[in-house]
PDB file of N, CA and C in Angstrom:
ATOM      1  N   MET A   1     103.136 157.138 128.976  1.00  0.00           N
ATOM      2  CA  MET A   1     102.671 156.005 128.198  1.00  0.00           C
ATOM      3  C   MET A   1     102.899 156.261 126.702  1.00  0.00           C
ATOM      4  N   PHE A   2     102.271 157.298 126.184  1.00  0.00           N
ATOM      5  CA  PHE A   2     102.480 157.665 124.784  1.00  0.00           C
ATOM      6  C   PHE A   2     103.189 159.008 124.741  1.00  0.00           C
ATOM      7  N   THR A   3     104.253 159.066 123.970  1.00  0.00           N
ATOM      8  CA  THR A   3     104.920 160.350 123.799  1.00  0.00           C
ATOM      9  C   THR A   3     104.157 161.163 122.774  1.00  0.00           C
ATOM     10  N   GLU A   4     104.499 162.421 122.670  1.00  0.00           N
ATOM     11  CA  GLU A   4     103.826 163.313 121.723  1.00  0.00           C
ATOM     12  C   GLU A   4     104.054 162.853 120.285  1.00  0.00           C
ATOM     13  N   GLY A   5     105.256 162.375 119.989  1.00  0.00           N
ATOM     14  CA  GLY A   5     105.560 161.879 118.653  1.00  0.00           C
ATOM     15  C   GLY A   5     104.733 160.651 118.284  1.00  0.00           C
ATOM     16  N   ARG A   6     104.529 159.772 119.234  1.00  0.00           N
ATOM     17  CA  ARG A   6     103.713 158.573 118.975  1.00  0.00           C
ATOM     18  C   ARG A   6     102.264 158.941 118.707  1.00  0.00           C
ATOM     19  N   LEU A   7     101.748 159.905 119.461  1.00  0.00           N
ATOM     20  CA  LEU A   7     100.369 160.340 119.246  1.00  0.00           C
ATOM     21  C   LEU A   7     100.204 160.967 117.862  1.00  0.00           C
ATOM     22  N   TYR A   8     101.175 161.762 117.434  1.00  0.00           N
ATOM     23  CA  TYR A   8     101.125 162.335 116.084  1.00  0.00           C
ATOM     24  C   TYR A   8     101.167 161.237 115.027  1.00  0.00           C
ATOM     25  N   PHE A   9     102.011 160.245 115.240  1.00  0.00           N
ATOM     26  CA  PHE A   9     102.099 159.137 114.294  1.00  0.00           C
ATOM     27  C   PHE A   9     100.785 158.375 114.220  1.00  0.00           C
ATOM     28  N   ILE A  10     100.184 158.100 115.374  1.00  0.00           N
ATOM     29  CA  ILE A  10      98.902 157.384 115.397  1.00  0.00           C
ATOM     30  C   ILE A  10      97.837 158.176 114.656  1.00  0.00           C
ATOM     31  N   LEU A  11      97.750 159.462 114.925  1.00  0.00           N
ATOM     32  CA  LEU A  11      96.775 160.316 114.250  1.00  0.00           C
ATOM     33  C   LEU A  11      97.018 160.350 112.743  1.00  0.00           C
ATOM     34  N   PHE A  12      98.268 160.510 112.340  1.00  0.00           N
ATOM     35  CA  PHE A  12      98.614 160.526 110.918  1.00  0.00           C
ATOM     36  C   PHE A  12      98.271 159.194 110.260  1.00  0.00           C
ATOM     37  N   PHE A  13      98.606 158.096 110.922  1.00  0.00           N
ATOM     38  CA  PHE A  13      98.335 156.770 110.378  1.00  0.00           C
ATOM     39  C   PHE A  13      96.835 156.549 110.187  1.00  0.00           C
ATOM     40  N   ILE A  14      96.043 156.914 111.187  1.00  0.00           N
ATOM     41  CA  ILE A  14      94.594 156.728 111.101  1.00  0.00           C
ATOM     42  C   ILE A  14      94.011 157.545 109.955  1.00  0.00           C
ATOM     43  N   VAL A  15      94.430 158.787 109.820  1.00  0.00           N
ATOM     44  CA  VAL A  15      93.914 159.642 108.749  1.00  0.00           C
ATOM     45  C   VAL A  15      94.285 159.087 107.381  1.00  0.00           C
ATOM     46  N   VAL A  16      95.526 158.681 107.190  1.00  0.00           N
ATOM     47  CA  VAL A  16      95.963 158.137 105.903  1.00  0.00           C
ATOM     48  C   VAL A  16      95.288 156.800 105.617  1.00  0.00           C
ATOM     49  N   PHE A  17      95.146 155.957 106.628  1.00  0.00           N
ATOM     50  CA  PHE A  17      94.519 154.652 106.445  1.00  0.00           C
ATOM     51  C   PHE A  17      93.054 154.808 106.043  1.00  0.00           C
ATOM     52  N   ILE A  18      92.322 155.653 106.734  1.00  0.00           N
ATOM     53  CA  ILE A  18      90.917 155.875 106.395  1.00  0.00           C
ATOM     54  C   ILE A  18      90.800 156.517 105.013  1.00  0.00           C
ATOM     55  N   GLY A  19      91.699 157.430 104.686  1.00  0.00           N
ATOM     56  CA  GLY A  19      91.709 158.021 103.347  1.00  0.00           C
ATOM     57  C   GLY A  19      91.933 156.969 102.274  1.00  0.00           C
ATOM     58  N   GLY A  20      92.845 156.047 102.523  1.00  0.00           N
ATOM     59  CA  GLY A  20      93.084 154.958 101.576  1.00  0.00           C
ATOM     60  C   GLY A  20      91.880 154.051 101.422  1.00  0.00           C
ATOM     61  N   LEU A  21      91.216 153.759 102.526  1.00  0.00           N
ATOM     62  CA  LEU A  21      90.011 152.937 102.466  1.00  0.00           C
ATOM     63  C   LEU A  21      88.913 153.615 101.651  1.00  0.00           C
ATOM     64  N   ILE A  22      88.730 154.904 101.869  1.00  0.00           N
ATOM     65  CA  ILE A  22      87.704 155.644 101.125  1.00  0.00           C
ATOM     66  C   ILE A  22      88.042 155.671  99.641  1.00  0.00           C
ATOM     67  N   PHE A  23      89.316 155.896  99.321  1.00  0.00           N
ATOM     68  CA  PHE A  23      89.742 155.918  97.921  1.00  0.00           C
ATOM     69  C   PHE A  23      89.483 154.565  97.251  1.00  0.00           C
ATOM     70  N   ALA A  24      89.853 153.478  97.926  1.00  0.00           N
ATOM     71  CA  ALA A  24      89.665 152.144  97.359  1.00  0.00           C
ATOM     72  C   ALA A  24      88.187 151.810  97.218  1.00  0.00           C
ATOM     73  N   TYR A  25      87.387 152.203  98.209  1.00  0.00           N
ATOM     74  CA  TYR A  25      85.951 151.928  98.172  1.00  0.00           C
ATOM     75  C   TYR A  25      85.302 152.657  97.000  1.00  0.00           C
ATOM     76  N   ARG A  26      85.643 153.917  96.819  1.00  0.00           N
ATOM     77  CA  ARG A  26      85.049 154.685  95.713  1.00  0.00           C
ATOM     78  C   ARG A  26      85.466 154.124  94.351  1.00  0.00           C
ATOM     79  N   LYS A  27      86.694 153.658  94.260  1.00  0.00           N
ATOM     80  CA  LYS A  27      87.170 153.064  93.010  1.00  0.00           C
ATOM     81  C   LYS A  27      86.435 151.750  92.725  1.00  0.00           C
ATOM     82  N   ASP A  28      86.255 150.932  93.752  1.00  0.00           N
ATOM     83  CA  ASP A  28      85.572 149.647  93.581  1.00  0.00           C
ATOM     84  C   ASP A  28      84.082 149.814  93.314  1.00  0.00           C
ATOM     85  N   ILE A  29      83.456 150.806  93.921  1.00  0.00           N
ATOM     86  CA  ILE A  29      82.011 150.968  93.750  1.00  0.00           C
ATOM     87  C   ILE A  29      81.680 151.372  92.307  1.00  0.00           C
ATOM     88  N   ARG A  30      82.601 152.070  91.657  1.00  0.00           N
ATOM     89  CA  ARG A  30      82.382 152.409  90.234  1.00  0.00           C
ATOM     90  C   ARG A  30      82.469 151.161  89.361  1.00  0.00           C
ATOM     91  N   ASN A  31      83.347 150.246  89.710  1.00  0.00           N
ATOM     92  CA  ASN A  31      83.531 149.036  88.912  1.00  0.00           C
ATOM     93  C   ASN A  31      82.447 147.996  89.159  1.00  0.00           C
ATOM     94  N   ASN A  32      81.996 147.857  90.396  1.00  0.00           N
ATOM     95  CA  ASN A  32      81.021 146.828  90.769  1.00  0.00           C
ATOM     96  C   ASN A  32      79.913 147.419  91.646  1.00  0.00           C
ATOM     97  N   PRO A  33      79.046 148.246  91.107  1.00  0.00           N
ATOM     98  CA  PRO A  33      78.012 148.855  91.959  1.00  0.00           C
ATOM     99  C   PRO A  33      77.011 147.843  92.510  1.00  0.00           C
ATOM    100  N   LYS A  34      76.839 146.723  91.819  1.00  0.00           N
ATOM    101  CA  LYS A  34      75.884 145.705  92.263  1.00  0.00           C
ATOM    102  C   LYS A  34      76.322 145.059  93.580  1.00  0.00           C
ATOM    103  N   ILE A  35      77.610 144.866  93.743  1.00  0.00           N
ATOM    104  CA  ILE A  35      78.153 144.220  94.936  1.00  0.00           C
ATOM    105  C   ILE A  35      77.976 145.107  96.174  1.00  0.00           C
ATOM    106  N   PHE A  36      78.086 146.418  96.003  1.00  0.00           N
ATOM    107  CA  PHE A  36      78.079 147.341  97.131  1.00  0.00           C
ATOM    108  C   PHE A  36      76.687 147.877  97.461  1.00  0.00           C
ATOM    109  N   LYS A  37      75.663 147.286  96.899  1.00  0.00           N
ATOM    110  CA  LYS A  37      74.302 147.716  97.182  1.00  0.00           C
ATOM    111  C   LYS A  37      73.984 147.416  98.651  1.00  0.00           C
ATOM    112  N   GLY A  38      73.622 148.437  99.413  1.00  0.00           N
ATOM    113  CA  GLY A  38      73.291 148.271 100.817  1.00  0.00           C
ATOM    114  C   GLY A  38      74.491 148.319 101.751  1.00  0.00           C
ATOM    115  N   ALA A  39      75.667 148.624 101.228  1.00  0.00           N
ATOM    116  CA  ALA A  39      76.870 148.652 102.073  1.00  0.00           C
ATOM    117  C   ALA A  39      76.801 149.784 103.096  1.00  0.00           C
ATOM    118  N   SER A  40      76.197 150.893 102.738  1.00  0.00           N
ATOM    119  CA  SER A  40      76.117 152.016 103.678  1.00  0.00           C
ATOM    120  C   SER A  40      75.234 151.668 104.874  1.00  0.00           C
ATOM    121  N   LYS A  41      74.147 150.934 104.628  1.00  0.00           N
ATOM    122  CA  LYS A  41      73.284 150.516 105.737  1.00  0.00           C
ATOM    123  C   LYS A  41      74.042 149.589 106.680  1.00  0.00           C
ATOM    124  N   THR A  42      74.823 148.695 106.117  1.00  0.00           N
ATOM    125  CA  THR A  42      75.611 147.770 106.928  1.00  0.00           C
ATOM    126  C   THR A  42      76.634 148.520 107.768  1.00  0.00           C
ATOM    127  N   MET A  43      77.299 149.500 107.187  1.00  0.00           N
ATOM    128  CA  MET A  43      78.288 150.286 107.922  1.00  0.00           C
ATOM    129  C   MET A  43      77.640 151.064 109.058  1.00  0.00           C
ATOM    130  N   ILE A  44      76.459 151.606 108.828  1.00  0.00           N
ATOM    131  CA  ILE A  44      75.758 152.350 109.873  1.00  0.00           C
ATOM    132  C   ILE A  44      75.373 151.416 111.021  1.00  0.00           C
ATOM    133  N   ILE A  45      74.898 150.228 110.703  1.00  0.00           N
ATOM    134  CA  ILE A  45      74.532 149.263 111.740  1.00  0.00           C
ATOM    135  C   ILE A  45      75.752 148.850 112.553  1.00  0.00           C
ATOM    136  N   ILE A  46      76.874 148.612 111.896  1.00  0.00           N
ATOM    137  CA  ILE A  46      78.104 148.237 112.602  1.00  0.00           C
ATOM    138  C   ILE A  46      78.569 149.381 113.498  1.00  0.00           C
ATOM    139  N   LEU A  47      78.512 150.612 112.998  1.00  0.00           N
ATOM    140  CA  LEU A  47      78.908 151.773 113.782  1.00  0.00           C
ATOM    141  C   LEU A  47      78.013 151.925 115.016  1.00  0.00           C
ATOM    142  N   ILE A  48      76.705 151.756 114.847  1.00  0.00           N
ATOM    143  CA  ILE A  48      75.779 151.836 115.984  1.00  0.00           C
ATOM    144  C   ILE A  48      76.096 150.744 117.005  1.00  0.00           C
ATOM    145  N   PHE A  49      76.394 149.534 116.533  1.00  0.00           N
ATOM    146  CA  PHE A  49      76.743 148.431 117.429  1.00  0.00           C
ATOM    147  C   PHE A  49      77.981 148.769 118.259  1.00  0.00           C
ATOM    148  N   PHE A  50      79.030 149.277 117.602  1.00  0.00           N
ATOM    149  CA  PHE A  50      80.254 149.606 118.329  1.00  0.00           C
ATOM    150  C   PHE A  50      80.035 150.754 119.314  1.00  0.00           C
ATOM    151  N   LEU A  51      79.261 151.747 118.927  1.00  0.00           N
ATOM    152  CA  LEU A  51      78.975 152.853 119.840  1.00  0.00           C
ATOM    153  C   LEU A  51      78.166 152.380 121.042  1.00  0.00           C
ATOM    154  N   ALA A  52      77.204 151.496 120.810  1.00  0.00           N
ATOM    155  CA  ALA A  52      76.420 150.948 121.916  1.00  0.00           C
ATOM    156  C   ALA A  52      77.318 150.126 122.848  1.00  0.00           C
ATOM    157  N   PHE A  53      78.193 149.321 122.285  1.00  0.00           N
ATOM    158  CA  PHE A  53      79.117 148.526 123.091  1.00  0.00           C
ATOM    159  C   PHE A  53      80.023 149.430 123.923  1.00  0.00           C
ATOM    160  N   PHE A  54      80.545 150.478 123.298  1.00  0.00           N
ATOM    161  CA  PHE A  54      81.399 151.437 123.994  1.00  0.00           C
ATOM    162  C   PHE A  54      80.642 152.101 125.139  1.00  0.00           C
ATOM    163  N   ALA A  55      79.399 152.484 124.896  1.00  0.00           N
ATOM    164  CA  ALA A  55      78.582 153.127 125.924  1.00  0.00           C
ATOM    165  C   ALA A  55      78.308 152.165 127.082  1.00  0.00           C
ATOM    166  N   ILE A  56      78.023 150.913 126.771  1.00  0.00           N
ATOM    167  CA  ILE A  56      77.763 149.918 127.819  1.00  0.00           C
ATOM    168  C   ILE A  56      79.007 149.703 128.674  1.00  0.00           C
ATOM    169  N   VAL A  57      80.161 149.612 128.034  1.00  0.00           N
ATOM    170  CA  VAL A  57      81.407 149.411 128.784  1.00  0.00           C
ATOM    171  C   VAL A  57      81.682 150.615 129.683  1.00  0.00           C
ATOM    172  N   LYS A  58      81.452 151.820 129.188  1.00  0.00           N
ATOM    173  CA  LYS A  58      81.668 153.020 130.002  1.00  0.00           C
ATOM    174  C   LYS A  58      80.685 153.075 131.167  1.00  0.00           C
ATOM    175  N   MET A  59      79.449 152.661 130.930  1.00  0.00           N
ATOM    176  CA  MET A  59      78.440 152.665 131.999  1.00  0.00           C
ATOM    177  C   MET A  59      78.778 151.619 133.072  1.00  0.00           C
ATOM    178  N   MET A  60      79.386 150.506 132.676  1.00  0.00           N
ATOM    179  CA  MET A  60      79.737 149.465 133.638  1.00  0.00           C
ATOM    180  C   MET A  60      80.778 149.944 134.647  1.00  0.00           C
ATOM    181  N   LYS A  61      81.598 150.895 134.254  1.00  0.00           N
ATOM    182  CA  LYS A  61      82.621 151.406 135.174  1.00  0.00           C
ATOM    183  C   LYS A  61      82.010 152.203 136.317  1.00  0.00           C
ATOM    184  N   PHE A  62      80.812 152.748 136.110  1.00  0.00           N
ATOM    185  CA  PHE A  62      80.165 153.520 137.165  1.00  0.00           C
ATOM    186  C   PHE A  62      79.496 152.646 138.208  1.00  0.00           C
ATOM    187  N   PHE A  63      79.230 151.393 137.906  1.00  0.00           N
ATOM    188  CA  PHE A  63      78.519 150.517 138.839  1.00  0.00           C
ATOM    189  C   PHE A  63      79.429 149.557 139.520  1.00  0.00           C
TER     190      PHE A  63
END
C-alpha cells in the first residue's frame, strides 16, 4: 500500500507542516495577543474530542 519512500515523505511533510504552523502561530501571537486569548484551551478541547472519537471508532470494531 505505502512504500518506504512514501512513508518517509509523509512523516517529513507532517513534521515540516506542524513546524510551520507553530512558527506562524508564535509570530501572530506576538502581534495580536488579544485575539489568541484562550486559544490553548480551545486546542485542548478539540484534541480531546478527536481522541474520544478515535477511541469510540476503535471500540466499535470490537462489537
